[in-house]
N, C-alpha and C. Protein backbone atom coordinates (compact mmCIF):
# COMPACT_ATOMS: atom_id res chain seq x y z
N UNK A 1 -51.76 -44.48 1.95
CA UNK A 1 -50.89 -45.62 2.28
C UNK A 1 -51.33 -46.84 1.49
N UNK A 2 -52.60 -47.17 1.55
CA UNK A 2 -53.16 -48.31 0.84
C UNK A 2 -53.13 -48.05 -0.65
N UNK A 3 -53.44 -46.74 -0.97
CA UNK A 3 -53.48 -46.38 -2.37
C UNK A 3 -52.06 -46.41 -2.96
N UNK A 4 -51.11 -45.94 -2.15
CA UNK A 4 -49.74 -45.94 -2.62
C UNK A 4 -49.25 -47.37 -2.82
N UNK A 5 -49.62 -48.27 -1.90
CA UNK A 5 -49.27 -49.69 -2.00
C UNK A 5 -49.96 -50.27 -3.23
N UNK A 6 -51.20 -49.90 -3.45
CA UNK A 6 -51.98 -50.38 -4.58
C UNK A 6 -51.34 -49.90 -5.90
N UNK A 7 -50.92 -48.62 -5.82
CA UNK A 7 -50.24 -48.05 -7.00
C UNK A 7 -48.90 -48.75 -7.20
N UNK A 8 -48.23 -49.05 -6.09
CA UNK A 8 -46.89 -49.64 -6.16
C UNK A 8 -46.95 -51.05 -6.72
N UNK A 9 -48.00 -51.80 -6.35
CA UNK A 9 -48.07 -53.20 -6.76
C UNK A 9 -48.20 -53.32 -8.28
N UNK A 10 -49.13 -52.57 -8.93
CA UNK A 10 -49.22 -52.68 -10.40
C UNK A 10 -47.95 -52.23 -11.07
N UNK A 11 -47.28 -51.23 -10.48
CA UNK A 11 -46.03 -50.74 -11.06
C UNK A 11 -44.99 -51.85 -11.06
N UNK A 12 -44.88 -52.57 -9.89
CA UNK A 12 -43.89 -53.64 -9.79
C UNK A 12 -44.23 -54.76 -10.77
N UNK A 13 -45.53 -55.10 -10.87
CA UNK A 13 -45.94 -56.18 -11.77
C UNK A 13 -45.69 -55.76 -13.23
N UNK A 14 -45.97 -54.49 -13.54
CA UNK A 14 -45.74 -54.00 -14.90
C UNK A 14 -44.24 -53.97 -15.17
N UNK A 15 -43.45 -53.61 -14.14
CA UNK A 15 -41.99 -53.63 -14.28
C UNK A 15 -41.52 -55.04 -14.56
N UNK A 16 -42.09 -55.98 -13.78
CA UNK A 16 -41.71 -57.38 -13.95
C UNK A 16 -42.08 -57.84 -15.36
N UNK A 17 -43.25 -57.43 -15.85
CA UNK A 17 -43.70 -57.81 -17.18
C UNK A 17 -42.78 -57.19 -18.24
N UNK A 18 -42.42 -55.92 -18.00
CA UNK A 18 -41.55 -55.25 -18.98
C UNK A 18 -40.17 -55.91 -18.96
N UNK A 19 -39.70 -56.31 -17.77
CA UNK A 19 -38.40 -57.00 -17.67
C UNK A 19 -38.48 -58.32 -18.39
N UNK A 20 -39.63 -59.04 -18.15
CA UNK A 20 -39.82 -60.33 -18.83
C UNK A 20 -39.84 -60.10 -20.34
N UNK A 21 -40.49 -59.03 -20.82
CA UNK A 21 -40.56 -58.71 -22.24
C UNK A 21 -39.17 -58.38 -22.77
N UNK A 22 -38.42 -57.63 -21.98
CA UNK A 22 -37.05 -57.28 -22.38
C UNK A 22 -36.20 -58.54 -22.48
N UNK A 23 -36.39 -59.43 -21.45
CA UNK A 23 -35.65 -60.70 -21.48
C UNK A 23 -36.02 -61.51 -22.70
N UNK A 24 -37.32 -61.57 -22.98
CA UNK A 24 -37.79 -62.36 -24.12
C UNK A 24 -37.25 -61.76 -25.42
N UNK A 25 -37.33 -60.45 -25.51
CA UNK A 25 -36.86 -59.79 -26.72
C UNK A 25 -35.36 -59.95 -26.86
N UNK A 26 -34.64 -59.87 -25.74
CA UNK A 26 -33.19 -60.02 -25.78
C UNK A 26 -32.83 -61.45 -26.15
N UNK A 27 -33.60 -62.43 -25.60
CA UNK A 27 -33.32 -63.83 -25.92
C UNK A 27 -33.64 -64.09 -27.39
N UNK A 28 -34.76 -63.51 -27.85
CA UNK A 28 -35.11 -63.69 -29.27
C UNK A 28 -34.08 -62.97 -30.14
N UNK A 29 -33.61 -61.81 -29.66
CA UNK A 29 -32.58 -61.08 -30.39
C UNK A 29 -31.29 -61.90 -30.44
N UNK A 30 -30.98 -62.53 -29.28
CA UNK A 30 -29.79 -63.38 -29.21
C UNK A 30 -29.94 -64.56 -30.17
N UNK A 31 -31.12 -65.14 -30.17
CA UNK A 31 -31.39 -66.28 -31.04
C UNK A 31 -31.26 -65.85 -32.50
N UNK A 32 -31.84 -64.67 -32.78
CA UNK A 32 -31.78 -64.14 -34.14
C UNK A 32 -30.33 -63.87 -34.52
N UNK A 33 -29.57 -63.35 -33.59
CA UNK A 33 -28.16 -63.07 -33.85
C UNK A 33 -27.40 -64.37 -34.10
N UNK A 34 -27.74 -65.40 -33.30
CA UNK A 34 -27.10 -66.71 -33.49
C UNK A 34 -27.42 -67.25 -34.87
N UNK A 35 -28.70 -67.15 -35.25
CA UNK A 35 -29.12 -67.62 -36.58
C UNK A 35 -28.38 -66.82 -37.66
N UNK A 36 -28.31 -65.50 -37.42
CA UNK A 36 -27.64 -64.64 -38.38
C UNK A 36 -26.16 -64.99 -38.48
N UNK A 37 -25.56 -65.22 -37.30
CA UNK A 37 -24.14 -65.58 -37.27
C UNK A 37 -23.90 -66.90 -37.98
N UNK A 38 -24.78 -67.89 -37.71
CA UNK A 38 -24.65 -69.19 -38.36
C UNK A 38 -24.86 -69.04 -39.85
N UNK A 39 -25.85 -68.20 -40.19
CA UNK A 39 -26.14 -67.98 -41.60
C UNK A 39 -24.96 -67.29 -42.28
N UNK A 40 -24.37 -66.30 -41.56
CA UNK A 40 -23.22 -65.59 -42.14
C UNK A 40 -22.03 -66.53 -42.26
N UNK A 41 -21.83 -67.38 -41.23
CA UNK A 41 -20.74 -68.36 -41.27
C UNK A 41 -20.98 -69.34 -42.42
N UNK A 42 -22.22 -69.80 -42.54
CA UNK A 42 -22.58 -70.72 -43.62
C UNK A 42 -22.41 -70.03 -44.97
N UNK A 43 -22.79 -68.76 -44.98
CA UNK A 43 -22.65 -67.99 -46.22
C UNK A 43 -21.18 -67.84 -46.58
N UNK A 44 -20.34 -67.59 -45.55
CA UNK A 44 -18.91 -67.44 -45.82
C UNK A 44 -18.34 -68.74 -46.35
N UNK A 45 -18.71 -69.86 -45.68
CA UNK A 45 -18.21 -71.16 -46.13
C UNK A 45 -18.86 -71.53 -47.46
N UNK A 46 -20.14 -71.17 -47.59
CA UNK A 46 -20.86 -71.54 -48.81
C UNK A 46 -20.55 -70.62 -49.97
N UNK A 47 -19.99 -69.44 -49.68
CA UNK A 47 -19.68 -68.49 -50.75
C UNK A 47 -18.69 -69.09 -51.72
N UNK A 48 -17.68 -69.75 -51.16
CA UNK A 48 -16.67 -70.39 -52.02
C UNK A 48 -17.34 -71.45 -52.88
N UNK A 49 -18.19 -72.27 -52.23
CA UNK A 49 -18.92 -73.30 -52.98
C UNK A 49 -19.80 -72.65 -54.03
N UNK A 50 -20.51 -71.59 -53.64
CA UNK A 50 -21.39 -70.88 -54.57
C UNK A 50 -20.56 -70.28 -55.71
N UNK A 51 -19.39 -69.73 -55.34
CA UNK A 51 -18.51 -69.15 -56.37
C UNK A 51 -18.06 -70.24 -57.32
N UNK A 52 -17.68 -71.39 -56.74
CA UNK A 52 -17.23 -72.52 -57.57
C UNK A 52 -18.36 -72.96 -58.48
N UNK A 53 -19.55 -73.13 -57.88
CA UNK A 53 -20.73 -73.56 -58.65
C UNK A 53 -21.03 -72.53 -59.73
N UNK A 54 -20.98 -71.26 -59.34
CA UNK A 54 -21.27 -70.18 -60.30
C UNK A 54 -20.24 -70.18 -61.41
N UNK A 55 -18.96 -70.34 -61.04
CA UNK A 55 -17.90 -70.37 -62.04
C UNK A 55 -18.12 -71.54 -62.98
N UNK A 56 -18.40 -72.72 -62.39
CA UNK A 56 -18.65 -73.91 -63.20
C UNK A 56 -19.85 -73.68 -64.10
N UNK A 57 -20.91 -73.11 -63.52
CA UNK A 57 -22.13 -72.86 -64.30
C UNK A 57 -21.83 -71.87 -65.41
N UNK A 58 -21.09 -70.80 -65.06
CA UNK A 58 -20.74 -69.79 -66.06
C UNK A 58 -19.89 -70.41 -67.15
N UNK A 59 -18.92 -71.23 -66.74
CA UNK A 59 -18.05 -71.90 -67.71
C UNK A 59 -18.86 -72.82 -68.60
N UNK A 60 -19.73 -73.63 -67.96
CA UNK A 60 -20.58 -74.55 -68.72
C UNK A 60 -21.48 -73.78 -69.65
N UNK A 61 -22.09 -72.71 -69.11
CA UNK A 61 -22.97 -71.88 -69.93
C UNK A 61 -22.20 -71.26 -71.08
N UNK A 62 -20.99 -70.78 -70.77
CA UNK A 62 -20.16 -70.17 -71.82
C UNK A 62 -19.82 -71.20 -72.88
N UNK A 63 -19.46 -72.43 -72.43
CA UNK A 63 -19.14 -73.51 -73.37
C UNK A 63 -20.36 -73.82 -74.23
N UNK A 64 -21.52 -73.92 -73.55
CA UNK A 64 -22.77 -74.23 -74.26
C UNK A 64 -23.08 -73.11 -75.25
N UNK A 65 -22.93 -71.85 -74.78
CA UNK A 65 -23.20 -70.69 -75.66
C UNK A 65 -22.23 -70.70 -76.83
N UNK A 66 -20.95 -70.99 -76.55
CA UNK A 66 -19.94 -71.04 -77.61
C UNK A 66 -20.30 -72.14 -78.60
N UNK A 67 -20.71 -73.31 -78.05
CA UNK A 67 -21.11 -74.42 -78.92
C UNK A 67 -22.30 -74.03 -79.77
N UNK A 68 -23.28 -73.38 -79.13
CA UNK A 68 -24.48 -72.95 -79.86
C UNK A 68 -24.09 -71.95 -80.94
N UNK A 69 -23.21 -70.99 -80.54
CA UNK A 69 -22.76 -69.98 -81.50
C UNK A 69 -22.03 -70.65 -82.66
N UNK A 70 -21.14 -71.61 -82.31
CA UNK A 70 -20.38 -72.32 -83.35
C UNK A 70 -21.34 -73.06 -84.27
N UNK A 71 -22.33 -73.74 -83.66
CA UNK A 71 -23.30 -74.50 -84.46
C UNK A 71 -24.08 -73.55 -85.35
N UNK A 72 -24.53 -72.44 -84.76
CA UNK A 72 -25.31 -71.45 -85.53
C UNK A 72 -24.46 -70.87 -86.65
N UNK A 73 -23.21 -70.51 -86.31
CA UNK A 73 -22.31 -69.95 -87.32
C UNK A 73 -22.05 -70.98 -88.40
N UNK A 74 -21.83 -72.24 -87.98
CA UNK A 74 -21.60 -73.32 -88.95
C UNK A 74 -22.81 -73.47 -89.85
N UNK A 75 -24.00 -73.47 -89.24
CA UNK A 75 -25.23 -73.60 -90.02
C UNK A 75 -25.35 -72.43 -90.99
N UNK A 76 -25.05 -71.22 -90.49
CA UNK A 76 -25.12 -70.02 -91.35
C UNK A 76 -24.11 -70.14 -92.48
N UNK A 77 -22.88 -70.54 -92.14
CA UNK A 77 -21.83 -70.66 -93.15
C UNK A 77 -22.22 -71.73 -94.17
N UNK A 78 -22.72 -72.87 -93.64
CA UNK A 78 -23.12 -73.98 -94.52
C UNK A 78 -24.26 -73.53 -95.43
N UNK A 79 -25.23 -72.81 -94.83
CA UNK A 79 -26.37 -72.34 -95.63
C UNK A 79 -25.90 -71.34 -96.68
N UNK A 80 -24.93 -70.48 -96.29
CA UNK A 80 -24.37 -69.51 -97.24
C UNK A 80 -23.65 -70.26 -98.36
N UNK A 81 -22.86 -71.27 -97.97
CA UNK A 81 -22.12 -72.06 -98.96
C UNK A 81 -23.11 -72.77 -99.88
N UNK A 82 -24.16 -73.35 -99.27
CA UNK A 82 -25.17 -74.06 -100.05
C UNK A 82 -25.87 -73.09 -101.00
N UNK A 83 -26.21 -71.91 -100.46
CA UNK A 83 -26.87 -70.91 -101.32
C UNK A 83 -25.94 -70.46 -102.43
N UNK A 84 -24.65 -70.32 -102.10
CA UNK A 84 -23.66 -69.94 -103.12
C UNK A 84 -23.58 -71.03 -104.18
N UNK A 85 -23.53 -72.29 -103.71
CA UNK A 85 -23.45 -73.42 -104.64
C UNK A 85 -24.70 -73.46 -105.51
N UNK A 86 -25.86 -73.27 -104.86
CA UNK A 86 -27.13 -73.28 -105.59
C UNK A 86 -27.15 -72.14 -106.61
N UNK A 87 -26.70 -70.96 -106.16
CA UNK A 87 -26.67 -69.81 -107.08
C UNK A 87 -25.68 -70.06 -108.20
N UNK A 88 -24.55 -70.71 -107.90
CA UNK A 88 -23.56 -71.05 -108.94
C UNK A 88 -24.19 -72.02 -109.92
N UNK A 89 -24.92 -73.02 -109.37
CA UNK A 89 -25.58 -74.02 -110.23
C UNK A 89 -26.61 -73.32 -111.11
N UNK A 90 -27.40 -72.43 -110.48
CA UNK A 90 -28.42 -71.69 -111.23
C UNK A 90 -27.76 -70.82 -112.30
N UNK A 91 -26.67 -70.14 -111.89
CA UNK A 91 -25.95 -69.29 -112.84
C UNK A 91 -25.38 -70.13 -113.96
N UNK A 92 -24.82 -71.29 -113.59
CA UNK A 92 -24.23 -72.17 -114.61
C UNK A 92 -25.32 -72.69 -115.53
N UNK A 93 -26.51 -73.00 -114.95
CA UNK A 93 -27.65 -73.45 -115.77
C UNK A 93 -28.06 -72.32 -116.71
N UNK A 94 -28.14 -71.10 -116.16
CA UNK A 94 -28.50 -69.93 -116.97
C UNK A 94 -27.44 -69.73 -118.05
N UNK A 95 -26.18 -69.83 -117.63
CA UNK A 95 -25.08 -69.64 -118.59
C UNK A 95 -25.13 -70.73 -119.64
N UNK A 96 -25.38 -71.97 -119.19
CA UNK A 96 -25.41 -73.09 -120.14
C UNK A 96 -26.59 -72.92 -121.09
N UNK A 97 -27.74 -72.49 -120.56
CA UNK A 97 -28.91 -72.29 -121.42
C UNK A 97 -28.64 -71.12 -122.37
N UNK A 98 -28.06 -70.04 -121.82
CA UNK A 98 -27.75 -68.88 -122.66
C UNK A 98 -26.62 -69.23 -123.60
N UNK A 99 -25.68 -70.05 -123.12
CA UNK A 99 -24.56 -70.46 -123.97
C UNK A 99 -25.07 -71.43 -125.03
N UNK A 100 -26.09 -72.22 -124.68
CA UNK A 100 -26.66 -73.11 -125.69
C UNK A 100 -27.33 -72.27 -126.76
N UNK A 101 -28.03 -71.21 -126.32
CA UNK A 101 -28.64 -70.31 -127.30
C UNK A 101 -27.54 -69.57 -128.05
N UNK A 102 -26.51 -69.13 -127.32
CA UNK A 102 -25.40 -68.44 -127.97
C UNK A 102 -24.61 -69.42 -128.82
N UNK A 103 -24.53 -70.68 -128.37
CA UNK A 103 -23.83 -71.69 -129.16
C UNK A 103 -24.62 -71.97 -130.43
N UNK A 104 -25.96 -71.94 -130.30
CA UNK A 104 -26.78 -72.08 -131.50
C UNK A 104 -26.51 -70.89 -132.43
N UNK A 105 -26.38 -69.70 -131.80
CA UNK A 105 -26.02 -68.51 -132.58
C UNK A 105 -24.65 -68.72 -133.22
N UNK A 106 -23.72 -69.26 -132.42
CA UNK A 106 -22.37 -69.55 -132.92
C UNK A 106 -22.46 -70.56 -134.05
N UNK A 107 -23.31 -71.57 -133.84
CA UNK A 107 -23.50 -72.60 -134.88
C UNK A 107 -24.03 -71.94 -136.15
N UNK A 108 -25.01 -71.06 -135.97
CA UNK A 108 -25.57 -70.33 -137.11
C UNK A 108 -24.48 -69.51 -137.78
N UNK A 109 -23.69 -68.82 -136.96
CA UNK A 109 -22.62 -67.98 -137.50
C UNK A 109 -21.61 -68.84 -138.23
N UNK A 110 -21.19 -69.95 -137.60
CA UNK A 110 -20.20 -70.82 -138.22
C UNK A 110 -20.77 -71.46 -139.48
N UNK A 111 -22.03 -71.86 -139.42
CA UNK A 111 -22.66 -72.47 -140.60
C UNK A 111 -22.74 -71.44 -141.73
N UNK A 112 -23.11 -70.22 -141.35
CA UNK A 112 -23.18 -69.17 -142.37
C UNK A 112 -21.77 -68.88 -142.88
N UNK A 113 -20.82 -68.87 -141.96
CA UNK A 113 -19.43 -68.64 -142.37
C UNK A 113 -18.97 -69.80 -143.25
N UNK A 114 -19.40 -71.02 -142.85
CA UNK A 114 -19.04 -72.20 -143.63
C UNK A 114 -19.69 -72.10 -145.02
N UNK A 115 -20.95 -71.65 -144.99
CA UNK A 115 -21.65 -71.44 -146.25
C UNK A 115 -20.92 -70.39 -147.08
N UNK A 116 -20.53 -69.33 -146.40
CA UNK A 116 -19.82 -68.26 -147.08
C UNK A 116 -18.49 -68.77 -147.62
N UNK A 117 -17.82 -69.57 -146.77
CA UNK A 117 -16.54 -70.12 -147.17
C UNK A 117 -16.75 -71.07 -148.36
N UNK A 118 -17.80 -71.86 -148.22
CA UNK A 118 -18.16 -72.80 -149.30
C UNK A 118 -18.47 -72.01 -150.58
N UNK A 119 -19.22 -70.99 -150.40
CA UNK A 119 -19.57 -70.12 -151.53
C UNK A 119 -18.31 -69.51 -152.12
N UNK A 120 -17.44 -69.04 -151.22
CA UNK A 120 -16.18 -68.46 -151.67
C UNK A 120 -15.36 -69.50 -152.41
N UNK A 121 -15.38 -70.72 -151.87
CA UNK A 121 -14.66 -71.80 -152.50
C UNK A 121 -15.25 -72.07 -153.89
N UNK A 122 -16.55 -72.07 -153.93
CA UNK A 122 -17.22 -72.27 -155.22
C UNK A 122 -16.83 -71.17 -156.19
N UNK A 123 -16.85 -69.98 -155.64
CA UNK A 123 -16.50 -68.82 -156.46
C UNK A 123 -15.05 -68.96 -156.95
N UNK A 124 -14.21 -69.34 -156.00
CA UNK A 124 -12.81 -69.52 -156.34
C UNK A 124 -12.68 -70.63 -157.39
N UNK A 125 -13.39 -71.72 -157.11
CA UNK A 125 -13.36 -72.85 -158.05
C UNK A 125 -13.89 -72.41 -159.42
N UNK A 126 -14.97 -71.67 -159.32
CA UNK A 126 -15.57 -71.16 -160.54
C UNK A 126 -14.57 -70.27 -161.29
N UNK A 127 -13.91 -69.42 -160.52
CA UNK A 127 -12.91 -68.52 -161.08
C UNK A 127 -11.79 -69.34 -161.72
N UNK A 128 -11.39 -70.39 -160.97
CA UNK A 128 -10.36 -71.28 -161.47
C UNK A 128 -10.84 -71.97 -162.75
N UNK A 129 -12.09 -72.32 -162.71
CA UNK A 129 -12.69 -72.98 -163.87
C UNK A 129 -12.65 -72.04 -165.09
N UNK A 130 -12.90 -70.77 -164.80
CA UNK A 130 -12.85 -69.79 -165.88
C UNK A 130 -11.42 -69.69 -166.40
N UNK A 131 -10.50 -69.71 -165.47
CA UNK A 131 -9.09 -69.59 -165.84
C UNK A 131 -8.68 -70.88 -166.57
């Protein structure tokens, strides 16, 4: 009788403790659910804002990337044009130097031709003189 009462008392206290634990866990679960619900509601309302921000960021980033690409492409094109111009200048310098040498050759040829023509003229004159 005493033992059964003694056994019964710890059981009731442990039951009460377990009930209190269940209540605490349920209240914490409820609190967690409330936080989750608020967070989900905030997320739902904030998703549009986040989407807008993300879209704006993506657009800005895309614009920046496009600008960077345009600048890089422009720089590349300009450098290519500059290199082409430099190569043209170098080629023209080479051509002018080679043409100056070839022009000297031409001068030599023309002078020799002139000499030949002069000689021919002399010969002709001489022939005329003979005649």
